[in-house]
C-alpha atoms as a PDB file:
ATOM      1  CA  MET A   1      77.100 183.792 106.514  1.00  0.00           C
ATOM      2  CA  GLU A   2      75.926 185.651 103.402  1.00  0.00           C
ATOM      3  CA  ASN A   3      73.954 183.594 100.883  1.00  0.00           C
ATOM      4  CA  THR A   4      76.482 184.528  98.014  1.00  0.00           C
ATOM      5  CA  GLN A   5      79.382 183.320  99.940  1.00  0.00           C
ATOM      6  CA  ALA A   6      77.541 179.997 100.636  1.00  0.00           C
ATOM      7  CA  THR A   7      76.682 179.638  97.095  1.00  0.00           C
ATOM      8  CA  GLN A   8      80.271 180.121  96.031  1.00  0.00           C
ATOM      9  CA  GLU A   9      81.445 177.449  98.439  1.00  0.00           C
ATOM     10  CA  LEU A  10      78.749 175.080  97.213  1.00  0.00           C
ATOM     11  CA  GLU A  11      80.050 175.747  93.588  1.00  0.00           C
ATOM     12  CA  ALA A  12      83.589 175.100  94.768  1.00  0.00           C
ATOM     13  CA  VAL A  13      82.823 171.852  96.560  1.00  0.00           C
ATOM     14  CA  PHE A  14      80.686 170.716  93.452  1.00  0.00           C
ATOM     15  CA  THR A  15      83.571 171.453  91.213  1.00  0.00           C
ATOM     16  CA  ALA A  16      86.065 169.548  93.343  1.00  0.00           C
ATOM     17  CA  TRP A  17      83.574 166.660  93.597  1.00  0.00           C
ATOM     18  CA  THR A  18      83.133 166.530  89.777  1.00  0.00           C
ATOM     19  CA  ASP A  19      86.916 166.671  89.258  1.00  0.00           C
ATOM     20  CA  ALA A  20      87.469 163.702  91.899  1.00  0.00           C
ATOM     21  CA  LEU A  21      84.993 161.560  89.807  1.00  0.00           C
ATOM     22  CA  ASN A  22      86.507 162.439  86.603  1.00  0.00           C
ATOM     23  CA  THR A  23      90.126 161.801  87.569  1.00  0.00           C
ATOM     24  CA  GLY A  24      89.385 158.613  89.325  1.00  0.00           C
ATOM     25  CA  LYS A  25      89.889 159.904  92.722  1.00  0.00           C
ATOM     26  CA  LEU A  26      86.967 157.946  94.177  1.00  0.00           C
ATOM     27  CA  GLU A  27      88.114 158.168  97.752  1.00  0.00           C
ATOM     28  CA  VAL A  28      87.674 162.115  97.643  1.00  0.00           C
ATOM     29  CA  PHE A  29      84.506 161.637  95.652  1.00  0.00           C
ATOM     30  CA  TRP A  30      83.001 159.431  98.277  1.00  0.00           C
ATOM     31  CA  GLN A  31      83.870 161.705 101.044  1.00  0.00           C
ATOM     32  CA  ALA A  32      81.453 164.201  99.871  1.00  0.00           C
ATOM     33  CA  PHE A  33      78.418 161.887 100.285  1.00  0.00           C
ATOM     34  CA  ASP A  34      76.312 161.966 103.571  1.00  0.00           C
ATOM     35  CA  GLU A  35      76.189 158.458 104.957  1.00  0.00           C
ATOM     36  CA  ARG A  36      72.357 158.670 104.485  1.00  0.00           C
ATOM     37  CA  ALA A  37      72.578 159.622 100.835  1.00  0.00           C
ATOM     38  CA  GLU A  38      70.121 158.415  98.279  1.00  0.00           C
ATOM     39  CA  ILE A  39      71.118 158.159  94.697  1.00  0.00           C
ATOM     40  CA  LEU A  40      68.788 157.599  91.583  1.00  0.00           C
ATOM     41  CA  ASP A  41      71.209 156.954  88.650  1.00  0.00           C
ATOM     42  CA  GLU A  42      70.269 156.910  85.068  1.00  0.00           C
ATOM     43  CA  ASP A  43      71.493 153.382  84.429  1.00  0.00           C
ATOM     44  CA  PHE A  44      70.018 151.640  87.455  1.00  0.00           C
ATOM     45  CA  PRO A  45      66.156 151.401  88.008  1.00  0.00           C
ATOM     46  CA  TRP A  46      65.994 151.659  91.712  1.00  0.00           C
ATOM     47  CA  ARG A  47      67.008 154.007  94.629  1.00  0.00           C
ATOM     48  CA  MET A  48      70.508 153.311  95.949  1.00  0.00           C
ATOM     49  CA  SER A  49      72.067 154.095  99.251  1.00  0.00           C
ATOM     50  CA  LYS A  50      75.745 155.341  99.369  1.00  0.00           C
ATOM     51  CA  ALA A  51      76.783 151.623 100.004  1.00  0.00           C
ATOM     52  CA  ASP A  52      74.800 150.554  97.056  1.00  0.00           C
ATOM     53  CA  PHE A  53      76.175 153.173  94.741  1.00  0.00           C
ATOM     54  CA  MET A  54      79.726 152.547  95.792  1.00  0.00           C
ATOM     55  CA  ASP A  55      79.075 148.767  94.962  1.00  0.00           C
ATOM     56  CA  HIS A  56      77.523 149.854  91.508  1.00  0.00           C
ATOM     57  CA  LEU A  57      80.528 152.062  90.698  1.00  0.00           C
ATOM     58  CA  ARG A  58      83.010 149.466  91.933  1.00  0.00           C
ATOM     59  CA  PHE A  59      81.452 147.026  89.370  1.00  0.00           C
ATOM     60  CA  HIS A  60      82.220 149.517  86.648  1.00  0.00           C
ATOM     61  CA  ALA A  61      85.627 151.010  87.819  1.00  0.00           C
ATOM     62  CA  GLY A  62      87.049 148.372  90.176  1.00  0.00           C
ATOM     63  CA  GLU A  63      90.090 146.308  90.160  1.00  0.00           C
ATOM     64  CA  ARG A  64      88.963 145.070  86.657  1.00  0.00           C
ATOM     65  CA  PRO A  65      87.501 148.233  85.161  1.00  0.00           C
ATOM     66  CA  LEU A  66      84.975 147.830  82.336  1.00  0.00           C
ATOM     67  CA  TRP A  67      85.853 151.395  81.097  1.00  0.00           C
ATOM     68  CA  GLU A  68      89.010 152.532  79.504  1.00  0.00           C
ATOM     69  CA  SER A  69      87.957 156.107  80.207  1.00  0.00           C
ATOM     70  CA  PHE A  70      84.858 158.004  81.209  1.00  0.00           C
ATOM     71  CA  GLU A  71      83.899 161.631  82.067  1.00  0.00           C
ATOM     72  CA  TRP A  72      80.788 163.179  83.619  1.00  0.00           C
ATOM     73  CA  ARG A  73      80.480 166.580  82.329  1.00  0.00           C
ATOM     74  CA  PRO A  74      77.812 168.944  83.836  1.00  0.00           C
ATOM     75  CA  ARG A  75      76.517 172.025  82.104  1.00  0.00           C
ATOM     76  CA  GLU A  76      73.969 174.727  82.447  1.00  0.00           C
ATOM     77  CA  LEU A  77      74.244 174.646  86.100  1.00  0.00           C
ATOM     78  CA  HIS A  78      71.932 176.368  88.614  1.00  0.00           C
ATOM     79  CA  PHE A  79      72.959 176.662  92.290  1.00  0.00           C
ATOM     80  CA  LEU A  80      70.619 177.810  94.991  1.00  0.00           C
ATOM     81  CA  VAL A  81      71.367 178.016  98.796  1.00  0.00           C
ATOM     82  CA  ILE A  82      68.636 178.380 101.356  1.00  0.00           C
ATOM     83  CA  GLY A  83      69.993 178.286 105.040  1.00  0.00           C
ATOM     84  CA  ASP A  84      72.152 175.105 105.279  1.00  0.00           C
ATOM     85  CA  THR A  85      70.447 173.437 102.221  1.00  0.00           C
ATOM     86  CA  GLY A  86      71.989 173.649  98.783  1.00  0.00           C
ATOM     87  CA  HIS A  87      70.432 172.653  95.455  1.00  0.00           C
ATOM     88  CA  VAL A  88      72.283 172.021  92.234  1.00  0.00           C
ATOM     89  CA  SER A  89      70.510 171.358  89.002  1.00  0.00           C
ATOM     90  CA  GLY A  90      71.620 171.075  85.517  1.00  0.00           C
ATOM     91  CA  PHE A  91      72.310 168.972  82.557  1.00  0.00           C
ATOM     92  CA  ALA A  92      75.187 166.519  82.244  1.00  0.00           C
ATOM     93  CA  THR A  93      76.795 164.311  79.538  1.00  0.00           C
ATOM     94  CA  PHE A  94      78.300 161.001  80.495  1.00  0.00           C
ATOM     95  CA  ARG A  95      80.744 159.939  77.864  1.00  0.00           C
ATOM     96  CA  GLY A  96      83.271 157.120  77.939  1.00  0.00           C
ATOM     97  CA  LYS A  97      84.934 154.161  76.188  1.00  0.00           C
ATOM     98  CA  PRO A  98      84.016 150.717  77.418  1.00  0.00           C
ATOM     99  CA  ARG A  99      86.823 148.179  77.008  1.00  0.00           C
ATOM    100  CA  ASP A 100      84.735 145.977  74.842  1.00  0.00           C
ATOM    101  CA  ALA A 101      82.719 148.350  72.704  1.00  0.00           C
ATOM    102  CA  GLY A 102      82.797 151.587  70.987  1.00  0.00           C
ATOM    103  CA  PHE A 103      82.509 155.121  72.466  1.00  0.00           C
ATOM    104  CA  ARG A 104      79.367 155.902  74.372  1.00  0.00           C
ATOM    105  CA  GLN A 105      77.550 159.166  75.378  1.00  0.00           C
ATOM    106  CA  ARG A 106      74.398 159.671  77.531  1.00  0.00           C
ATOM    107  CA  PHE A 107      72.699 162.912  78.050  1.00  0.00           C
ATOM    108  CA  MET A 108      70.923 163.765  81.451  1.00  0.00           C
ATOM    109  CA  GLY A 109      69.193 166.052  83.527  1.00  0.00           C
ATOM    110  CA  PHE A 110      70.136 165.942  87.195  1.00  0.00           C
ATOM    111  CA  THR A 111      69.317 167.471  90.640  1.00  0.00           C
ATOM    112  CA  GLN A 112      71.240 167.261  93.785  1.00  0.00           C
ATOM    113  CA  THR A 113      70.543 168.237  97.419  1.00  0.00           C
ATOM    114  CA  TRP A 114      73.514 169.295  99.576  1.00  0.00           C
ATOM    115  CA  VAL A 115      73.326 169.907 103.202  1.00  0.00           C
ATOM    116  CA  ARG A 116      75.943 171.952 105.213  1.00  0.00           C
ATOM    117  CA  GLN A 117      76.873 170.323 108.391  1.00  0.00           C
ATOM    118  CA  GLU A 118      79.534 171.569 110.934  1.00  0.00           C
ATOM    119  CA  GLY A 119      80.509 173.973 108.134  1.00  0.00           C
ATOM    120  CA  ARG A 120      80.970 171.323 105.388  1.00  0.00           C
ATOM    121  CA  TRP A 121      78.825 170.583 102.450  1.00  0.00           C
ATOM    122  CA  ARG A 122      77.689 166.869 102.060  1.00  0.00           C
ATOM    123  CA  LEU A 123      75.722 165.324  99.216  1.00  0.00           C
ATOM    124  CA  LEU A 124      72.438 164.022 100.375  1.00  0.00           C
ATOM    125  CA  CYS A 125      70.532 163.321  97.230  1.00  0.00           C
ATOM    126  CA  TRP A 126      71.598 162.810  93.518  1.00  0.00           C
ATOM    127  CA  HIS A 127      68.994 162.100  90.825  1.00  0.00           C
ATOM    128  CA  GLN A 128      69.788 161.946  87.208  1.00  0.00           C
ATOM    129  CA  SER A 129      67.856 160.543  84.344  1.00  0.00           C
ATOM    130  CA  PRO A 130      68.287 160.527  80.575  1.00  0.00           C
ATOM    131  CA  LEU A 131      67.083 163.195  78.316  1.00  0.00           C
ATOM    132  CA  LEU A 132      65.496 160.789  75.913  1.00  0.00           C
ATOM    133  CA  GLY A 133      62.527 160.060  78.213  1.00  0.00           C
ATOM    134  CA  ARG A 134      61.959 163.765  78.525  1.00  0.00           C
ATOM    135  CA  ILE A 135      61.729 164.164  74.903  1.00  0.00           C
ATOM    136  CA  VAL A 136      60.432 160.931  73.194  1.00  0.00           C
ATOM    137  CA  GLY A 137      57.002 160.166  74.120  1.00  0.00           C
ATOM    138  CA  ALA A 138      56.614 163.024  76.576  1.00  0.00           C
ATOM    139  CA  SER A 139      53.203 163.644  75.424  1.00  0.00           C
ATOM    140  CA  PRO A 140      50.651 160.940  74.204  1.00  0.00           C
ATOM    141  CA  THR A 141      49.829 161.190  70.535  1.00  0.00           C
END
C-alpha cells in the first residue's frame, strides 16, 4: 500500500474517532483503542490502561454526567505513517461546561501512536499534556 493512501486512511480514522468522542458515541470511540493501549491524560497524573481510561471517562460522562457539554478540538495536525505504524501529533483544546461551574478550556499538546493490524488502524498510545507547563517555567530564571 502506498504511504499516501495509508496516511489518508489514518486521517479518516482519526477524524471519525474524534467525531465519536465529541458526539458522545463512546462505544465507537472505544473500539479504536487497542486492548494494550496506554494513555497519559492531561488531568490524571499516572499512566492508564484502556480499562483505566474507560473508568476515568465514565466518571465524567457516565449515567450522571458531570459535564453538560464538552469538545476535544484538535488543530495543527501532523500525520506520519511508516509501515504499519502511524503517528499523529498536534495541539488540542478541550472545552466544556461542567454542570456545577462555568465554562472551561484547556490547551494541550498531544501525540498518538496508531498501529495497523489486519487492515485496521488501532490507537496504541495517546499522550496529551497542558501547554502551560511548556510555557511557564520552561527555563530556569
